[in-house]
Amino acid sequence: MRNISVFIILLSGIVSCKQGPKTSDVDSGSVAQMEAFSPEEAKKLMEAKCYLCHNPTAPEKGKRIGPPMVAIKAHYLDVHKDKEAFVNGIMEFVSAPSEENTLMQGAVRRFGVMPAQQFPEAEIQKIAEFMYDYQIEEPDWFKEHWLDRNEDSLYNKGKKLAAETAELTPKELGMQYALGTKKVLGQNLMGTIQNKGVEEAVVFCNERAYPLTDSMPTNFNARIKRVSDKPRNPNNRANSLELEHIETFKNLVASGASVEPILTEENGKVYFYYPIVTNTMCLNCHGTPNKDITPKVYQSLSELYPQDMAIGYGPDEVRGIWSIVFDASKNTN
């Protein structure tokens, strides 16, 4: 019975996850249309199928056998921002639960992995959609518990960084945004490489880099992007102005000159640009195929990024830039 907790394990995430309106405040039309679906039915299914192990009323320090459903929701929203991906993620795990594809290693260590069970697919879909669209019951202890146990989460890093940057100049603030986001991505990427290898790191970048980057400006009125003249993902393609700045940084880095960020201000906004420079670790995925990039990794890149242009780099080359926009009024220094 202890092992059944895997289902809840998957939804733990940051406290700032999408909660959605309370059931009583939402029209059923906000839930994805499906035959004979209703919020009331989905809520009853969740309570009947999931609460045996994931009941929100179970005490945190008592004989709990799984995390509460709100924890599962939080973790999935941390990784899957849109509804379709969120629902698919839950359904995929429930259909074949394992330690390898869990989103919550800590919960797996505490409660074990949920054993495979024959849940009707339609019922799991309804439960997952209900979780995404509606506020679900949260234990009184959960929010404080989650913040205490996740001091290094993006949510808390963002709050801490917001306090630390309150009196910075626009240049200093832009550097904080760029280097802070780089640090979070780098730590997660290095952890994946060390624990699972470079090939799995390719999958990490494909699935997690965007959610992680998007999470950083949650506590700021800022837009943070990584763009390139040779993008791996077409969504990272630089615009004409950004291409000019990339060329400027390439010339500076190649000449060995000191590199400073480029800042402009327009209509109350600061536009900040700073180069992304390769190092030897980057070459595992951005170097030369069959030299720096192994055939297996290159095959994964080709499958995940059929329009990939981000290869052929050497160390200390400009691969792209940080393109960040934030309110000029935030800082007056």
C-alpha atoms as a PDB file:
ATOM      1  CA  MET A   1       0.000   0.000   0.000  1.00  0.00           C
ATOM      2  CA  ARG A   2       2.936   2.274   0.740  1.00  0.00           C
ATOM      3  CA  ASN A   3       4.089   2.080  -2.870  1.00  0.00           C
ATOM      4  CA  ILE A   4       0.827   3.336  -4.340  1.00  0.00           C
ATOM      5  CA  SER A   5       1.986   6.843  -3.481  1.00  0.00           C
ATOM      6  CA  VAL A   6       3.739   7.353  -6.814  1.00  0.00           C
ATOM      7  CA  PHE A   7       0.744   8.995  -8.400  1.00  0.00           C
ATOM      8  CA  ILE A   8       0.880  11.871  -5.945  1.00  0.00           C
ATOM      9  CA  ILE A   9       4.587  12.078  -6.092  1.00  0.00           C
ATOM     10  CA  LEU A  10       4.397  13.365  -9.623  1.00  0.00           C
ATOM     11  CA  LEU A  11       2.502  16.522  -8.913  1.00  0.00           C
ATOM     12  CA  SER A  12       4.664  18.138  -6.248  1.00  0.00           C
ATOM     13  CA  GLY A  13       6.142  21.422  -7.429  1.00  0.00           C
ATOM     14  CA  ILE A  14       6.622  25.018  -6.605  1.00  0.00           C
ATOM     15  CA  VAL A  15       4.128  26.737  -4.332  1.00  0.00           C
ATOM     16  CA  SER A  16       3.441  29.296  -7.003  1.00  0.00           C
ATOM     17  CA  CYS A  17       1.850  26.649  -9.210  1.00  0.00           C
ATOM     18  CA  LYS A  18      -1.404  27.299 -10.992  1.00  0.00           C
ATOM     19  CA  GLN A  19      -4.183  26.606  -8.524  1.00  0.00           C
ATOM     20  CA  GLY A  20      -7.086  27.711 -10.642  1.00  0.00           C
ATOM     21  CA  PRO A  21     -10.421  28.906  -9.327  1.00  0.00           C
ATOM     22  CA  LYS A  22     -12.403  26.982  -6.794  1.00  0.00           C
ATOM     23  CA  THR A  23     -14.803  24.413  -8.170  1.00  0.00           C
ATOM     24  CA  SER A  24     -17.808  26.440  -7.151  1.00  0.00           C
ATOM     25  CA  ASP A  25     -16.487  29.484  -9.022  1.00  0.00           C
ATOM     26  CA  VAL A  26     -15.805  27.857 -12.382  1.00  0.00           C
ATOM     27  CA  ASP A  27     -18.159  27.017 -15.178  1.00  0.00           C
ATOM     28  CA  SER A  28     -17.761  23.482 -16.499  1.00  0.00           C
ATOM     29  CA  GLY A  29     -16.942  24.937 -19.903  1.00  0.00           C
ATOM     30  CA  SER A  30     -13.448  25.789 -18.650  1.00  0.00           C
ATOM     31  CA  VAL A  31     -12.658  22.078 -18.494  1.00  0.00           C
ATOM     32  CA  ALA A  32     -11.685  20.405 -21.762  1.00  0.00           C
ATOM     33  CA  GLN A  33     -14.731  19.066 -23.517  1.00  0.00           C
ATOM     34  CA  MET A  34     -15.199  15.309 -23.319  1.00  0.00           C
ATOM     35  CA  GLU A  35     -18.182  13.045 -23.370  1.00  0.00           C
ATOM     36  CA  ALA A  36     -20.227  13.042 -20.132  1.00  0.00           C
ATOM     37  CA  PHE A  37     -17.583  15.055 -18.290  1.00  0.00           C
ATOM     38  CA  SER A  38     -18.456  17.208 -15.315  1.00  0.00           C
ATOM     39  CA  PRO A  39     -16.297  18.765 -12.573  1.00  0.00           C
ATOM     40  CA  GLU A  40     -18.379  17.035  -9.921  1.00  0.00           C
ATOM     41  CA  GLU A  41     -17.826  13.631 -11.528  1.00  0.00           C
ATOM     42  CA  ALA A  42     -14.085  14.231 -11.877  1.00  0.00           C
ATOM     43  CA  LYS A  43     -13.800  15.365  -8.259  1.00  0.00           C
ATOM     44  CA  LYS A  44     -15.566  12.227  -7.056  1.00  0.00           C
ATOM     45  CA  LEU A  45     -13.289  10.083  -9.210  1.00  0.00           C
ATOM     46  CA  MET A  46     -10.230  11.748  -7.710  1.00  0.00           C
ATOM     47  CA  GLU A  47     -11.478  11.175  -4.184  1.00  0.00           C
ATOM     48  CA  ALA A  48     -12.390   7.556  -4.895  1.00  0.00           C
ATOM     49  CA  LYS A  49      -9.281   6.599  -6.882  1.00  0.00           C
ATOM     50  CA  CYS A  50      -6.568   8.723  -5.282  1.00  0.00           C
ATOM     51  CA  TYR A  51      -7.437   9.727  -1.715  1.00  0.00           C
ATOM     52  CA  LEU A  52      -6.731   6.328  -0.206  1.00  0.00           C
ATOM     53  CA  CYS A  53      -3.036   7.214  -0.450  1.00  0.00           C
ATOM     54  CA  HIS A  54      -3.120  10.956  -1.197  1.00  0.00           C
ATOM     55  CA  ASN A  55      -5.773  12.296   1.145  1.00  0.00           C
ATOM     56  CA  PRO A  56      -5.204  16.002   1.938  1.00  0.00           C
ATOM     57  CA  THR A  57      -6.450  15.515   5.508  1.00  0.00           C
ATOM     58  CA  ALA A  58      -3.711  13.025   6.425  1.00  0.00           C
ATOM     59  CA  PRO A  59      -1.204  14.619   8.841  1.00  0.00           C
ATOM     60  CA  GLU A  60       2.229  15.398   7.423  1.00  0.00           C
ATOM     61  CA  LYS A  61       4.087  13.735  10.288  1.00  0.00           C
ATOM     62  CA  GLY A  62       1.655  10.895  10.792  1.00  0.00           C
ATOM     63  CA  LYS A  63       1.311   7.626   8.902  1.00  0.00           C
ATOM     64  CA  ARG A  64       0.951   9.289   5.521  1.00  0.00           C
ATOM     65  CA  ILE A  65       1.531   6.898   2.625  1.00  0.00           C
ATOM     66  CA  GLY A  66       1.726   9.466  -0.162  1.00  0.00           C
ATOM     67  CA  PRO A  67       1.944  13.231  -0.744  1.00  0.00           C
ATOM     68  CA  PRO A  68      -1.302  15.206  -1.175  1.00  0.00           C
ATOM     69  CA  MET A  69      -2.761  15.744  -4.623  1.00  0.00           C
ATOM     70  CA  VAL A  70      -1.889  19.446  -4.536  1.00  0.00           C
ATOM     71  CA  ALA A  71       1.795  18.449  -4.357  1.00  0.00           C
ATOM     72  CA  ILE A  72       1.408  16.382  -7.515  1.00  0.00           C
ATOM     73  CA  LYS A  73      -0.330  19.250  -9.244  1.00  0.00           C
ATOM     74  CA  ALA A  74       2.450  21.633  -8.262  1.00  0.00           C
ATOM     75  CA  HIS A  75       5.238  19.454  -9.629  1.00  0.00           C
ATOM     76  CA  TYR A  76       3.514  18.783 -12.936  1.00  0.00           C
ATOM     77  CA  LEU A  77       2.748  22.458 -13.443  1.00  0.00           C
ATOM     78  CA  ASP A  78       6.396  23.221 -12.800  1.00  0.00           C
ATOM     79  CA  VAL A  79       7.305  21.085 -15.811  1.00  0.00           C
ATOM     80  CA  HIS A  80       4.169  21.157 -17.998  1.00  0.00           C
ATOM     81  CA  LYS A  81       2.742  24.657 -18.369  1.00  0.00           C
ATOM     82  CA  ASP A  82      -0.071  23.959 -20.841  1.00  0.00           C
ATOM     83  CA  LYS A  83      -3.048  21.761 -20.147  1.00  0.00           C
ATOM     84  CA  GLU A  84      -2.447  19.126 -22.824  1.00  0.00           C
ATOM     85  CA  ALA A  85       1.116  18.459 -21.679  1.00  0.00           C
ATOM     86  CA  PHE A  86       0.021  18.426 -18.039  1.00  0.00           C
ATOM     87  CA  VAL A  87      -2.720  15.858 -18.657  1.00  0.00           C
ATOM     88  CA  ASN A  88      -0.519  13.713 -20.913  1.00  0.00           C
ATOM     89  CA  GLY A  89       2.281  13.744 -18.363  1.00  0.00           C
ATOM     90  CA  ILE A  90       0.071  12.396 -15.606  1.00  0.00           C
ATOM     91  CA  MET A  91      -1.540   9.800 -17.846  1.00  0.00           C
ATOM     92  CA  GLU A  92       1.815   8.561 -19.107  1.00  0.00           C
ATOM     93  CA  PHE A  93       3.197   8.068 -15.613  1.00  0.00           C
ATOM     94  CA  VAL A  94       0.091   6.380 -14.248  1.00  0.00           C
ATOM     95  CA  SER A  95       0.072   3.984 -17.193  1.00  0.00           C
ATOM     96  CA  ALA A  96       3.688   2.921 -16.539  1.00  0.00           C
ATOM     97  CA  PRO A  97       5.007   4.229 -13.206  1.00  0.00           C
ATOM     98  CA  SER A  98       8.720   3.855 -12.551  1.00  0.00           C
ATOM     99  CA  GLU A  99      11.531   5.479 -10.626  1.00  0.00           C
ATOM    100  CA  GLU A 100      13.135   6.579 -13.887  1.00  0.00           C
ATOM    101  CA  ASN A 101      10.232   8.711 -15.106  1.00  0.00           C
ATOM    102  CA  THR A 102       9.066  10.183 -11.816  1.00  0.00           C
ATOM    103  CA  LEU A 103       9.212  13.932 -11.338  1.00  0.00           C
ATOM    104  CA  MET A 104       9.669  13.587  -7.570  1.00  0.00           C
ATOM    105  CA  GLN A 105      12.704  11.609  -6.528  1.00  0.00           C
ATOM    106  CA  GLY A 106      12.379  12.717  -2.910  1.00  0.00           C
ATOM    107  CA  ALA A 107       8.825  11.467  -2.646  1.00  0.00           C
ATOM    108  CA  VAL A 108       9.796   8.182  -4.283  1.00  0.00           C
ATOM    109  CA  ARG A 109      12.522   7.714  -1.680  1.00  0.00           C
ATOM    110  CA  ARG A 110      10.035   8.370   1.095  1.00  0.00           C
ATOM    111  CA  PHE A 111       6.972   6.530  -0.180  1.00  0.00           C
ATOM    112  CA  GLY A 112       8.234   4.212  -2.894  1.00  0.00           C
ATOM    113  CA  VAL A 113       7.091   3.925  -6.503  1.00  0.00           C
ATOM    114  CA  MET A 114       3.448   3.467  -7.330  1.00  0.00           C
ATOM    115  CA  PRO A 115       2.778  -0.056  -8.616  1.00  0.00           C
ATOM    116  CA  ALA A 116       1.224  -0.366 -12.061  1.00  0.00           C
ATOM    117  CA  GLN A 117      -2.550  -0.584 -11.832  1.00  0.00           C
ATOM    118  CA  GLN A 118      -5.358  -0.971 -14.327  1.00  0.00           C
ATOM    119  CA  PHE A 119      -6.972   2.466 -14.101  1.00  0.00           C
ATOM    120  CA  PRO A 120      -9.401   3.231 -16.941  1.00  0.00           C
ATOM    121  CA  GLU A 121      -7.702   5.777 -19.169  1.00  0.00           C
ATOM    122  CA  ALA A 122     -10.809   7.951 -19.464  1.00  0.00           C
ATOM    123  CA  GLU A 123     -11.047   8.258 -15.681  1.00  0.00           C
ATOM    124  CA  ILE A 124      -7.419   9.279 -15.280  1.00  0.00           C
ATOM    125  CA  GLN A 125      -7.857  11.877 -18.011  1.00  0.00           C
ATOM    126  CA  LYS A 126     -10.854  13.372 -16.226  1.00  0.00           C
ATOM    127  CA  ILE A 127      -8.971  13.503 -12.931  1.00  0.00           C
ATOM    128  CA  ALA A 128      -5.948  15.135 -14.561  1.00  0.00           C
ATOM    129  CA  GLU A 129      -8.059  17.740 -16.348  1.00  0.00           C
ATOM    130  CA  PHE A 130      -9.919  18.524 -13.154  1.00  0.00           C
ATOM    131  CA  MET A 131      -6.628  18.994 -11.316  1.00  0.00           C
ATOM    132  CA  TYR A 132      -5.366  21.402 -13.968  1.00  0.00           C
ATOM    133  CA  ASP A 133      -8.505  23.555 -14.164  1.00  0.00           C
ATOM    134  CA  TYR A 134      -9.669  23.635 -10.573  1.00  0.00           C
ATOM    135  CA  GLN A 135      -8.339  24.488  -7.166  1.00  0.00           C
ATOM    136  CA  ILE A 136      -7.991  21.300  -5.161  1.00  0.00           C
ATOM    137  CA  GLU A 137      -7.891  20.891  -1.417  1.00  0.00           C
ATOM    138  CA  GLU A 138      -4.600  21.882   0.187  1.00  0.00           C
ATOM    139  CA  PRO A 139      -3.558  20.734   3.692  1.00  0.00           C
ATOM    140  CA  ASP A 140      -2.981  23.521   6.184  1.00  0.00           C
ATOM    141  CA  TRP A 141       0.641  22.481   6.597  1.00  0.00           C
ATOM    142  CA  PHE A 142       1.494  22.119   2.918  1.00  0.00           C
ATOM    143  CA  LYS A 143       2.528  25.621   1.886  1.00  0.00           C
ATOM    144  CA  GLU A 144       4.896  26.194   4.796  1.00  0.00           C
ATOM    145  CA  HIS A 145       6.195  22.647   4.493  1.00  0.00           C
ATOM    146  CA  TRP A 146       6.852  23.048   0.805  1.00  0.00           C
ATOM    147  CA  LEU A 147       8.712  26.332   1.185  1.00  0.00           C
ATOM    148  CA  ASP A 148      10.814  24.941   4.034  1.00  0.00           C
ATOM    149  CA  ARG A 149      11.775  21.840   2.072  1.00  0.00           C
ATOM    150  CA  ASN A 150      12.458  23.689  -1.171  1.00  0.00           C
ATOM    151  CA  GLU A 151      14.647  26.627  -0.264  1.00  0.00           C
ATOM    152  CA  ASP A 152      16.496  26.122  -3.538  1.00  0.00           C
ATOM    153  CA  SER A 153      13.356  26.015  -5.691  1.00  0.00           C
ATOM    154  CA  LEU A 154      12.945  28.497  -8.534  1.00  0.00           C
ATOM    155  CA  TYR A 155      10.114  30.136  -6.620  1.00  0.00           C
ATOM    156  CA  ASN A 156      12.288  30.876  -3.604  1.00  0.00           C
ATOM    157  CA  LYS A 157      15.316  31.755  -5.706  1.00  0.00           C
ATOM    158  CA  GLY A 158      13.160  34.239  -7.554  1.00  0.00           C
ATOM    159  CA  LYS A 159      11.872  35.811  -4.343  1.00  0.00           C
ATOM    160  CA  LYS A 160      15.385  36.005  -2.906  1.00  0.00           C
ATOM    161  CA  LEU A 161      16.761  37.505  -6.089  1.00  0.00           C
ATOM    162  CA  ALA A 162      13.936  40.060  -6.187  1.00  0.00           C
ATOM    163  CA  ALA A 163      14.896  41.283  -2.719  1.00  0.00           C
ATOM    164  CA  GLU A 164      18.599  41.350  -3.542  1.00  0.00           C
ATOM    165  CA  THR A 165      18.098  43.360  -6.744  1.00  0.00           C
ATOM    166  CA  ALA A 166      15.823  46.041  -5.291  1.00  0.00           C
ATOM    167  CA  GLU A 167      18.548  48.720  -5.355  1.00  0.00           C
ATOM    168  CA  LEU A 168      20.593  47.678  -8.376  1.00  0.00           C
ATOM    169  CA  THR A 169      21.291  49.770 -11.458  1.00  0.00           C
ATOM    170  CA  PRO A 170      19.692  48.606 -14.729  1.00  0.00           C
ATOM    171  CA  LYS A 171      23.041  47.149 -15.831  1.00  0.00           C
ATOM    172  CA  GLU A 172      23.491  45.269 -12.553  1.00  0.00           C
ATOM    173  CA  LEU A 173      19.892  44.131 -12.615  1.00  0.00           C
ATOM    174  CA  GLY A 174      20.193  42.782 -16.151  1.00  0.00           C
ATOM    175  CA  MET A 175      23.311  40.852 -15.166  1.00  0.00           C
ATOM    176  CA  GLN A 176      21.483  39.391 -12.176  1.00  0.00           C
ATOM    177  CA  TYR A 177      18.662  38.198 -14.411  1.00  0.00           C
ATOM    178  CA  ALA A 178      21.025  36.707 -16.989  1.00  0.00           C
ATOM    179  CA  LEU A 179      23.497  35.072 -14.611  1.00  0.00           C
ATOM    180  CA  GLY A 180      20.791  33.944 -12.182  1.00  0.00           C
ATOM    181  CA  THR A 181      18.899  32.149 -14.945  1.00  0.00           C
ATOM    182  CA  LYS A 182      22.151  30.733 -16.337  1.00  0.00           C
ATOM    183  CA  LYS A 183      23.023  29.356 -12.903  1.00  0.00           C
ATOM    184  CA  VAL A 184      19.677  27.586 -12.513  1.00  0.00           C
ATOM    185  CA  LEU A 185      19.857  26.065 -16.001  1.00  0.00           C
ATOM    186  CA  GLY A 186      23.491  25.089 -15.500  1.00  0.00           C
ATOM    187  CA  GLN A 187      22.920  23.393 -12.162  1.00  0.00           C
ATOM    188  CA  ASN A 188      20.016  21.355 -13.513  1.00  0.00           C
ATOM    189  CA  LEU A 189      21.893  20.476 -16.695  1.00  0.00           C
ATOM    190  CA  MET A 190      25.052  19.430 -14.851  1.00  0.00           C
ATOM    191  CA  GLY A 191      23.019  17.324 -12.456  1.00  0.00           C
ATOM    192  CA  THR A 192      21.402  15.531 -15.383  1.00  0.00           C
ATOM    193  CA  ILE A 193      24.750  14.916 -17.092  1.00  0.00           C
ATOM    194  CA  GLN A 194      26.353  13.598 -13.908  1.00  0.00           C
ATOM    195  CA  ASN A 195      23.441  11.344 -13.000  1.00  0.00           C
ATOM    196  CA  LYS A 196      22.135  10.225 -16.391  1.00  0.00           C
ATOM    197  CA  GLY A 197      24.661  11.182 -19.057  1.00  0.00           C
ATOM    198  CA  VAL A 198      24.837  13.591 -21.997  1.00  0.00           C
ATOM    199  CA  GLU A 199      22.117  11.879 -24.029  1.00  0.00           C
ATOM    200  CA  GLU A 200      19.604  12.385 -21.232  1.00  0.00           C
ATOM    201  CA  ALA A 201      20.782  16.003 -20.947  1.00  0.00           C
ATOM    202  CA  VAL A 202      19.598  16.502 -24.541  1.00  0.00           C
ATOM    203  CA  VAL A 203      16.145  15.361 -23.468  1.00  0.00           C
ATOM    204  CA  PHE A 204      16.344  17.652 -20.431  1.00  0.00           C
ATOM    205  CA  CYS A 205      17.048  20.673 -22.617  1.00  0.00           C
ATOM    206  CA  ASN A 206      14.220  19.717 -24.946  1.00  0.00           C
ATOM    207  CA  GLU A 207      11.648  19.312 -22.161  1.00  0.00           C
ATOM    208  CA  ARG A 208      12.824  21.391 -19.200  1.00  0.00           C
ATOM    209  CA  ALA A 209      14.890  24.361 -20.394  1.00  0.00           C
ATOM    210  CA  TYR A 210      11.873  26.429 -21.424  1.00  0.00           C
ATOM    211  CA  PRO A 211       9.889  25.840 -18.205  1.00  0.00           C
ATOM    212  CA  LEU A 212      12.947  26.636 -16.092  1.00  0.00           C
ATOM    213  CA  THR A 213      13.721  29.812 -18.030  1.00  0.00           C
ATOM    214  CA  ASP A 214      10.081  30.877 -17.902  1.00  0.00           C
ATOM    215  CA  SER A 215       9.992  30.323 -14.143  1.00  0.00           C
ATOM    216  CA  MET A 216      12.796  32.758 -13.373  1.00  0.00           C
ATOM    217  CA  PRO A 217      10.983  36.034 -14.151  1.00  0.00           C
ATOM    218  CA  THR A 218       7.897  34.974 -12.137  1.00  0.00           C
ATOM    219  CA  ASN A 219       8.791  37.434  -9.366  1.00  0.00           C
ATOM    220  CA  PHE A 220       9.891  40.184 -11.764  1.00  0.00           C
ATOM    221  CA  ASN A 221       8.201  42.246 -14.410  1.00  0.00           C
ATOM    222  CA  ALA A 222      10.737  40.944 -16.910  1.00  0.00           C
ATOM    223  CA  ARG A 223      11.008  38.910 -20.095  1.00  0.00           C
ATOM    224  CA  ILE A 224      14.038  36.644 -20.292  1.00  0.00           C
ATOM    225  CA  LYS A 225      15.025  34.918 -23.545  1.00  0.00           C
ATOM    226  CA  ARG A 226      18.019  33.089 -24.989  1.00  0.00           C
ATOM    227  CA  VAL A 227      18.339  33.758 -28.717  1.00  0.00           C
ATOM    228  CA  SER A 228      20.850  32.784 -31.387  1.00  0.00           C
ATOM    229  CA  ASP A 229      21.794  33.279 -35.023  1.00  0.00           C
ATOM    230  CA  LYS A 230      22.172  29.471 -35.191  1.00  0.00           C
ATOM    231  CA  PRO A 231      19.254  28.241 -33.088  1.00  0.00           C
ATOM    232  CA  ARG A 232      18.648  24.658 -32.088  1.00  0.00           C
ATOM    233  CA  ASN A 233      15.014  25.358 -31.392  1.00  0.00           C
ATOM    234  CA  PRO A 234      13.365  27.689 -33.950  1.00  0.00           C
ATOM    235  CA  ASN A 235      11.720  29.508 -31.038  1.00  0.00           C
ATOM    236  CA  ASN A 236      15.187  30.784 -30.070  1.00  0.00           C
ATOM    237  CA  ARG A 237      15.851  32.508 -33.393  1.00  0.00           C
ATOM    238  CA  ALA A 238      17.204  36.052 -32.967  1.00  0.00           C
ATOM    239  CA  ASN A 239      15.452  39.001 -34.591  1.00  0.00           C
ATOM    240  CA  SER A 240      17.274  41.548 -36.752  1.00  0.00           C
ATOM    241  CA  LEU A 241      18.344  43.776 -33.849  1.00  0.00           C
ATOM    242  CA  GLU A 242      19.467  40.810 -31.779  1.00  0.00           C
ATOM    243  CA  LEU A 243      21.495  39.542 -34.750  1.00  0.00           C
ATOM    244  CA  GLU A 244      23.369  42.859 -34.826  1.00  0.00           C
ATOM    245  CA  HIS A 245      24.200  42.539 -31.142  1.00  0.00           C
ATOM    246  CA  ILE A 246      25.327  38.917 -31.601  1.00  0.00           C
ATOM    247  CA  GLU A 247      27.752  40.058 -34.307  1.00  0.00           C
ATOM    248  CA  THR A 248      29.072  42.822 -32.036  1.00  0.00           C
ATOM    249  CA  PHE A 249      29.706  40.366 -29.211  1.00  0.00           C
ATOM    250  CA  LYS A 250      31.349  37.860 -31.585  1.00  0.00           C
ATOM    251  CA  ASN A 251      33.871  40.489 -32.658  1.00  0.00           C
ATOM    252  CA  LEU A 252      34.595  41.516 -29.071  1.00  0.00           C
ATOM    253  CA  VAL A 253      35.071  37.948 -27.829  1.00  0.00           C
ATOM    254  CA  ALA A 254      37.198  36.951 -30.817  1.00  0.00           C
ATOM    255  CA  SER A 255      39.506  39.937 -30.296  1.00  0.00           C
ATOM    256  CA  GLY A 256      39.872  39.257 -26.587  1.00  0.00           C
ATOM    257  CA  ALA A 257      38.414  42.659 -25.717  1.00  0.00           C
ATOM    258  CA  SER A 258      36.481  43.347 -22.537  1.00  0.00           C
ATOM    259  CA  VAL A 259      32.805  42.518 -22.943  1.00  0.00           C
ATOM    260  CA  GLU A 260      30.111  44.703 -21.423  1.00  0.00           C
ATOM    261  CA  PRO A 261      26.333  44.261 -21.750  1.00  0.00           C
ATOM    262  CA  ILE A 262      24.432  46.377 -24.248  1.00  0.00           C
ATOM    263  CA  LEU A 263      21.557  48.393 -22.775  1.00  0.00           C
ATOM    264  CA  THR A 264      18.996  50.647 -24.408  1.00  0.00           C
ATOM    265  CA  GLU A 265      15.905  52.283 -22.961  1.00  0.00           C
ATOM    266  CA  GLU A 266      12.650  52.904 -24.789  1.00  0.00           C
ATOM    267  CA  ASN A 267       9.105  53.672 -23.641  1.00  0.00           C
ATOM    268  CA  GLY A 268       9.881  52.967 -20.012  1.00  0.00           C
ATOM    269  CA  LYS A 269      11.574  49.634 -20.760  1.00  0.00           C
ATOM    270  CA  VAL A 270      15.200  48.593 -20.467  1.00  0.00           C
ATOM    271  CA  TYR A 271      16.468  46.269 -23.215  1.00  0.00           C
ATOM    272  CA  PHE A 272      19.482  44.281 -22.027  1.00  0.00           C
ATOM    273  CA  TYR A 273      21.746  42.038 -24.110  1.00  0.00           C
ATOM    274  CA  TYR A 274      24.674  39.891 -23.006  1.00  0.00           C
ATOM    275  CA  PRO A 275      26.576  37.097 -24.784  1.00  0.00           C
ATOM    276  CA  ILE A 276      26.271  33.356 -24.161  1.00  0.00           C
ATOM    277  CA  VAL A 277      29.785  31.972 -24.628  1.00  0.00           C
ATOM    278  CA  THR A 278      30.599  28.283 -25.079  1.00  0.00           C
ATOM    279  CA  ASN A 279      32.825  26.262 -22.789  1.00  0.00           C
ATOM    280  CA  THR A 280      34.151  22.715 -23.139  1.00  0.00           C
ATOM    281  CA  MET A 281      31.023  21.218 -21.561  1.00  0.00           C
ATOM    282  CA  CYS A 282      28.860  22.916 -24.193  1.00  0.00           C
ATOM    283  CA  LEU A 283      30.711  21.073 -26.955  1.00  0.00           C
ATOM    284  CA  ASN A 284      29.129  17.776 -25.883  1.00  0.00           C
ATOM    285  CA  CYS A 285      25.982  19.006 -27.617  1.00  0.00           C
ATOM    286  CA  HIS A 286      27.152  22.041 -29.622  1.00  0.00           C
ATOM    287  CA  GLY A 287      30.566  20.977 -30.932  1.00  0.00           C
ATOM    288  CA  THR A 288      31.469  18.988 -34.030  1.00  0.00           C
ATOM    289  CA  PRO A 289      29.607  15.711 -34.681  1.00  0.00           C
ATOM    290  CA  ASN A 290      31.735  12.560 -34.284  1.00  0.00           C
ATOM    291  CA  LYS A 291      34.447  14.653 -32.657  1.00  0.00           C
ATOM    292  CA  ASP A 292      32.866  16.429 -29.702  1.00  0.00           C
ATOM    293  CA  ILE A 293      29.343  15.047 -30.129  1.00  0.00           C
ATOM    294  CA  THR A 294      29.002  11.261 -29.944  1.00  0.00           C
ATOM    295  CA  PRO A 295      26.960   9.496 -32.654  1.00  0.00           C
ATOM    296  CA  LYS A 296      24.298   8.532 -30.112  1.00  0.00           C
ATOM    297  CA  VAL A 297      23.901  12.091 -28.849  1.00  0.00           C
ATOM    298  CA  TYR A 298      23.897  13.438 -32.391  1.00  0.00           C
ATOM    299  CA  GLN A 299      21.137  11.004 -33.339  1.00  0.00           C
ATOM    300  CA  SER A 300      19.033  12.224 -30.395  1.00  0.00           C
ATOM    301  CA  LEU A 301      19.637  15.831 -31.404  1.00  0.00           C
ATOM    302  CA  SER A 302      18.583  15.099 -34.976  1.00  0.00           C
ATOM    303  CA  GLU A 303      15.371  13.445 -33.799  1.00  0.00           C
ATOM    304  CA  LEU A 304      14.432  16.142 -31.297  1.00  0.00           C
ATOM    305  CA  TYR A 305      15.609  19.112 -33.385  1.00  0.00           C
ATOM    306  CA  PRO A 306      15.250  18.350 -37.121  1.00  0.00           C
ATOM    307  CA  GLN A 307      16.133  21.984 -37.937  1.00  0.00           C
ATOM    308  CA  ASP A 308      19.129  22.119 -35.585  1.00  0.00           C
ATOM    309  CA  MET A 309      21.751  24.737 -36.499  1.00  0.00           C
ATOM    310  CA  ALA A 310      23.519  24.930 -33.134  1.00  0.00           C
ATOM    311  CA  ILE A 311      26.541  22.708 -33.849  1.00  0.00           C
ATOM    312  CA  GLY A 312      30.092  23.241 -35.034  1.00  0.00           C
ATOM    313  CA  TYR A 313      31.160  25.503 -32.175  1.00  0.00           C
ATOM    314  CA  GLY A 314      34.504  25.542 -30.454  1.00  0.00           C
ATOM    315  CA  PRO A 315      35.252  26.778 -26.925  1.00  0.00           C
ATOM    316  CA  ASP A 316      34.960  30.488 -26.138  1.00  0.00           C
ATOM    317  CA  GLU A 317      32.648  31.317 -29.024  1.00  0.00           C
ATOM    318  CA  VAL A 318      29.444  33.351 -28.909  1.00  0.00           C
ATOM    319  CA  ARG A 319      26.571  30.891 -29.322  1.00  0.00           C
ATOM    320  CA  GLY A 320      23.853  33.458 -28.715  1.00  0.00           C
ATOM    321  CA  ILE A 321      22.795  36.178 -26.301  1.00  0.00           C
ATOM    322  CA  TRP A 322      20.539  36.835 -23.373  1.00  0.00           C
ATOM    323  CA  SER A 323      17.772  39.174 -24.504  1.00  0.00           C
ATOM    324  CA  ILE A 324      16.044  40.630 -21.450  1.00  0.00           C
ATOM    325  CA  VAL A 325      13.418  43.341 -21.101  1.00  0.00           C
ATOM    326  CA  PHE A 326      12.335  44.894 -17.800  1.00  0.00           C
ATOM    327  CA  ASP A 327      10.766  48.065 -16.454  1.00  0.00           C
ATOM    328  CA  ALA A 328      13.097  51.072 -16.350  1.00  0.00           C
ATOM    329  CA  SER A 329      11.097  52.396 -13.395  1.00  0.00           C
ATOM    330  CA  LYS A 330      12.031  49.386 -11.247  1.00  0.00           C
ATOM    331  CA  ASN A 331      15.388  50.970 -10.422  1.00  0.00           C
ATOM    332  CA  THR A 332      16.245  54.652 -10.247  1.00  0.00           C
ATOM    333  CA  ASN A 333      19.981  54.399  -9.513  1.00  0.00           C
END
